[in-house]
Amino acid sequence: MNARKPLLAALLITAALAGCRSNGDIVVDEGVGITAVRSACPAVGIPDYTGDITLFRTPGATDSGSIDVVAAITNMRSTCDETSDKVYSNVTFDVLARRSDTRGARSVTLPYFVTVLRGGSAVITKRIANVTVNFADGQERASASGRGVAYVDKSEATLPAEVRQRLTRKRRAGDADAAIDPMSAPDVKAAVARASFEVLIGFQLDDRQLAYNATR
């Protein structure tokens, strides 16, 4: 995955900071500060309204009696290697499908996208691939597996040293800025956004399919 628009209209999905204790831990043993340690690995998700697809027997129909095939992306898993200059992410997922007419063997090919998003709105790359679900004769349900890979420049996904220092600097209880969240500073917030990447995967839908998912 709201009031956010789907990816085709620049969807926002926020990548959270990963804390070394827990996100945004307040350090009270040696002064007051915020511990925030991020990974260069991108967050992974499915944009709103793109995680499932409905195909109809009759073009333009949207009633339940005309449904041909429905499918959904599930079991998304990711691995990430950030040991080199390029951060490599490998994302796998399953597609579970069901058809209304079980007569005969049938193959259904469904397009999906793999997009790298920066700062919640800037599309860096977008690739289209296909996953094919094979139904045996008499079979109502079937599944298939899909995959997406993405590369991100590690230098672009790393916070500048000055920003990291402001985020993790320990503050004493009497300091004027002890209770101020450094993320409230516009320049810090902007720097974190620039260094935040996401790998988003969903079905490649046309406008009608997107509207159907958003309103049903």
Protein backbone atom coordinates (compact mmCIF):
# COMPACT_ATOMS: atom_id res chain seq x y z
CA MET A 1 0.00 0.00 0.00
CA ASN A 2 -5.73 6.14 2.60
CA ALA A 3 -6.04 9.38 0.93
CA ARG A 4 -2.92 8.82 -1.12
CA LYS A 5 -3.26 8.36 -4.86
CA PRO A 6 -2.07 5.16 -6.55
CA LEU A 7 1.45 4.97 -7.89
CA LEU A 8 0.37 5.94 -11.38
CA ALA A 9 -0.51 9.32 -9.86
CA ALA A 10 2.56 9.41 -7.57
CA LEU A 11 1.67 7.40 -4.50
CA LEU A 12 3.33 8.13 -1.17
CA ILE A 13 4.56 5.28 0.97
CA THR A 14 6.83 6.32 3.85
CA ALA A 15 10.01 4.36 4.55
CA ALA A 16 10.59 4.26 8.32
CA LEU A 17 13.91 4.73 10.06
CA ALA A 18 15.17 1.49 11.58
CA GLY A 19 16.36 2.18 15.15
CA CYS A 20 19.25 0.26 16.69
CA ARG A 21 17.13 -0.18 19.83
CA SER A 22 13.73 0.65 18.45
CA ASN A 23 12.62 3.42 16.13
CA GLY A 24 13.14 6.83 17.70
CA ASP A 25 14.38 5.51 21.07
CA ILE A 26 14.99 8.29 23.58
CA VAL A 27 18.40 7.84 25.22
CA VAL A 28 18.26 8.80 28.90
CA ASP A 29 21.34 7.15 30.35
CA GLU A 30 23.91 9.59 28.97
CA GLY A 31 21.93 12.72 28.30
CA VAL A 32 18.91 13.04 26.03
CA GLY A 33 18.92 12.27 22.34
CA ILE A 34 17.37 10.20 19.60
CA THR A 35 18.97 6.99 18.40
CA ALA A 36 18.15 6.43 14.74
CA VAL A 37 20.18 4.06 12.58
CA ARG A 38 19.03 3.47 9.00
CA SER A 39 19.82 0.84 6.48
CA ALA A 40 20.60 1.67 2.86
CA CYS A 41 18.24 -1.15 1.86
CA PRO A 42 14.99 0.13 0.38
CA ALA A 43 11.63 -0.56 1.94
CA VAL A 44 9.41 -2.97 -0.01
CA GLY A 45 5.66 -2.73 -0.52
CA ILE A 46 2.58 -2.86 -2.72
CA PRO A 47 1.02 0.49 -3.69
CA ASP A 48 -2.62 1.13 -2.87
CA TYR A 49 -5.17 -0.53 -5.18
CA THR A 50 -2.54 -2.47 -7.19
CA GLY A 51 -2.28 -5.65 -5.14
CA ASP A 52 -5.15 -7.40 -6.92
CA ILE A 53 -6.64 -7.55 -10.39
CA THR A 54 -10.07 -8.51 -11.75
CA LEU A 55 -10.66 -9.62 -15.32
CA PHE A 56 -14.19 -9.59 -16.77
CA ARG A 57 -15.63 -11.74 -19.53
CA THR A 58 -17.36 -8.77 -21.14
CA PRO A 59 -15.31 -5.64 -21.95
CA GLY A 60 -16.54 -2.71 -19.85
CA ALA A 61 -18.54 -4.87 -17.43
CA THR A 62 -17.98 -4.52 -13.68
CA ASP A 63 -20.79 -6.65 -12.21
CA SER A 64 -19.96 -9.74 -10.17
CA GLY A 65 -21.72 -12.01 -12.67
CA SER A 66 -19.24 -11.02 -15.38
CA ILE A 67 -16.08 -11.75 -13.38
CA ASP A 68 -13.72 -14.08 -15.22
CA VAL A 69 -10.52 -14.21 -13.16
CA VAL A 70 -9.40 -12.57 -9.93
CA ALA A 71 -5.80 -12.60 -8.68
CA ALA A 72 -3.87 -11.15 -5.77
CA ILE A 73 -0.22 -10.60 -4.89
CA THR A 74 0.73 -12.13 -1.55
CA ASN A 75 3.65 -13.57 0.44
CA MET A 76 6.05 -10.82 -0.61
CA ARG A 77 9.59 -11.46 0.58
CA SER A 78 12.80 -9.52 0.04
CA THR A 79 16.53 -9.91 0.49
CA CYS A 80 19.03 -7.07 0.28
CA ASP A 81 22.78 -6.85 -0.21
CA GLU A 82 24.27 -3.48 0.77
CA THR A 83 27.91 -4.55 0.91
CA SER A 84 28.92 -2.86 -2.36
CA ASP A 85 28.45 0.52 -4.01
CA LYS A 86 25.16 -0.69 -5.47
CA VAL A 87 22.49 -1.85 -3.04
CA TYR A 88 20.83 -4.90 -4.57
CA SER A 89 17.29 -5.92 -3.63
CA ASN A 90 15.63 -9.15 -4.72
CA VAL A 91 11.88 -9.35 -4.14
CA THR A 92 9.78 -12.49 -4.65
CA PHE A 93 6.05 -12.93 -4.30
CA ASP A 94 3.18 -15.30 -5.03
CA VAL A 95 0.12 -14.68 -7.17
CA LEU A 96 -3.03 -16.51 -6.10
CA ALA A 97 -5.74 -16.67 -8.76
CA ARG A 98 -9.29 -17.96 -9.07
CA ARG A 99 -11.44 -18.35 -12.18
CA SER A 100 -15.19 -18.57 -12.55
CA ASP A 101 -15.34 -21.07 -15.43
CA THR A 102 -13.32 -24.18 -14.64
CA ARG A 103 -13.83 -25.92 -17.99
CA GLY A 104 -10.66 -26.74 -19.85
CA ALA A 105 -7.01 -26.01 -19.19
CA ARG A 106 -6.12 -22.35 -19.40
CA SER A 107 -3.16 -19.99 -18.98
CA VAL A 108 -3.66 -16.41 -17.82
CA THR A 109 -0.80 -13.92 -18.14
CA LEU A 110 -0.88 -10.91 -15.83
CA PRO A 111 1.44 -7.88 -16.12
CA TYR A 112 3.09 -6.37 -13.05
CA PHE A 113 5.46 -3.49 -12.43
CA VAL A 114 8.62 -3.14 -10.35
CA THR A 115 9.27 0.49 -9.45
CA VAL A 116 12.00 2.19 -7.45
CA LEU A 117 10.67 5.27 -5.68
CA ARG A 118 12.78 7.96 -4.02
CA GLY A 119 11.58 10.32 -1.33
CA GLY A 120 8.04 8.98 -1.51
CA SER A 121 7.21 10.46 -4.92
CA ALA A 122 10.07 10.44 -7.46
CA VAL A 123 10.02 7.41 -9.77
CA ILE A 124 13.63 6.39 -10.44
CA THR A 125 12.97 3.26 -12.51
CA LYS A 126 9.95 1.27 -13.60
CA ARG A 127 9.98 -2.12 -15.29
CA ILE A 128 7.08 -4.21 -16.55
CA ALA A 129 7.12 -8.02 -16.35
CA ASN A 130 4.57 -10.81 -16.62
CA VAL A 131 3.51 -13.70 -14.45
CA THR A 132 1.54 -16.62 -15.94
CA VAL A 133 -0.97 -18.63 -13.94
CA ASN A 134 -1.80 -22.09 -15.32
CA PHE A 135 -5.16 -23.69 -14.56
CA ALA A 136 -5.66 -27.40 -15.16
CA ASP A 137 -8.97 -28.67 -16.52
CA GLY A 138 -11.58 -28.43 -13.75
CA GLN A 139 -9.25 -26.43 -11.50
CA GLU A 140 -10.73 -23.29 -9.93
CA ARG A 141 -7.64 -22.00 -8.13
CA ALA A 142 -4.01 -21.79 -9.18
CA SER A 143 -0.86 -19.93 -8.19
CA ALA A 144 2.38 -18.69 -9.66
CA SER A 145 5.52 -16.93 -8.47
CA GLY A 146 6.91 -13.56 -9.52
CA ARG A 147 10.14 -11.70 -8.93
CA GLY A 148 11.55 -8.21 -9.11
CA VAL A 149 15.06 -6.85 -8.66
CA ALA A 150 16.26 -3.32 -8.01
CA TYR A 151 19.56 -1.47 -7.66
CA VAL A 152 20.11 1.72 -5.68
CA ASP A 153 23.31 3.74 -5.40
CA LYS A 154 24.50 3.28 -1.83
CA SER A 155 25.86 6.82 -1.70
CA GLU A 156 22.41 8.17 -2.57
CA ALA A 157 20.75 6.04 0.13
CA THR A 158 23.18 7.12 2.86
CA LEU A 159 22.47 10.12 5.05
CA PRO A 160 25.14 12.86 5.10
CA ALA A 161 27.36 12.72 8.18
CA GLU A 162 26.11 16.10 9.43
CA VAL A 163 22.48 14.93 9.27
CA ARG A 164 23.31 11.65 11.03
CA GLN A 165 25.06 13.62 13.77
CA ARG A 166 22.03 15.86 14.28
CA LEU A 167 19.73 12.86 14.48
CA THR A 168 21.84 10.88 16.95
CA ARG A 169 23.45 13.66 19.02
CA LYS A 170 22.78 13.12 22.70
CA ARG A 171 21.13 16.03 24.44
CA ARG A 172 21.20 16.85 28.11
CA ALA A 173 17.91 17.38 29.87
CA GLY A 174 18.59 21.08 30.34
CA ASP A 175 19.51 21.78 26.72
CA ALA A 176 17.25 24.22 24.90
CA ASP A 177 16.60 21.69 22.13
CA ALA A 178 16.35 18.62 24.38
CA ALA A 179 12.68 18.09 23.65
CA ILE A 180 12.82 19.07 19.97
CA ASP A 181 12.56 16.29 17.43
CA PRO A 182 15.41 16.86 14.91
CA MET A 183 13.12 15.44 12.21
CA SER A 184 11.01 18.58 12.57
CA ALA A 185 13.81 20.61 10.95
CA PRO A 186 12.95 21.05 7.24
CA ASP A 187 16.51 20.42 6.03
CA VAL A 188 16.83 17.21 8.08
CA LYS A 189 13.44 16.00 6.93
CA ALA A 190 14.36 16.72 3.31
CA ALA A 191 17.70 14.92 3.62
CA VAL A 192 16.02 11.82 5.07
CA ALA A 193 13.47 11.87 2.23
CA ARG A 194 16.21 12.13 -0.42
CA ALA A 195 18.01 9.13 1.08
CA SER A 196 14.84 7.02 1.39
CA PHE A 197 14.10 4.52 -1.37
CA GLU A 198 11.33 1.98 -1.87
CA VAL A 199 10.81 -0.97 -4.17
CA LEU A 200 7.12 -1.13 -5.08
CA ILE A 201 5.47 -4.03 -6.87
CA GLY A 202 1.89 -4.28 -8.09
CA PHE A 203 -0.25 -5.31 -11.02
CA GLN A 204 0.02 -3.06 -14.07
CA LEU A 205 -3.58 -1.85 -14.29
CA ASP A 206 -5.32 0.37 -16.79
CA ASP A 207 -7.39 3.34 -15.61
CA ARG A 208 -10.62 1.34 -15.55
CA GLN A 209 -9.10 -1.47 -13.48
CA LEU A 210 -7.54 1.04 -11.10
CA ALA A 211 -10.88 2.82 -10.62
CA TYR A 212 -12.61 -0.52 -10.01
CA ASN A 213 -10.14 -1.42 -7.26
CA ALA A 214 -10.42 2.01 -5.66
CA THR A 215 -14.21 2.11 -5.52
CA ARG A 216 -15.41 -1.44 -4.94
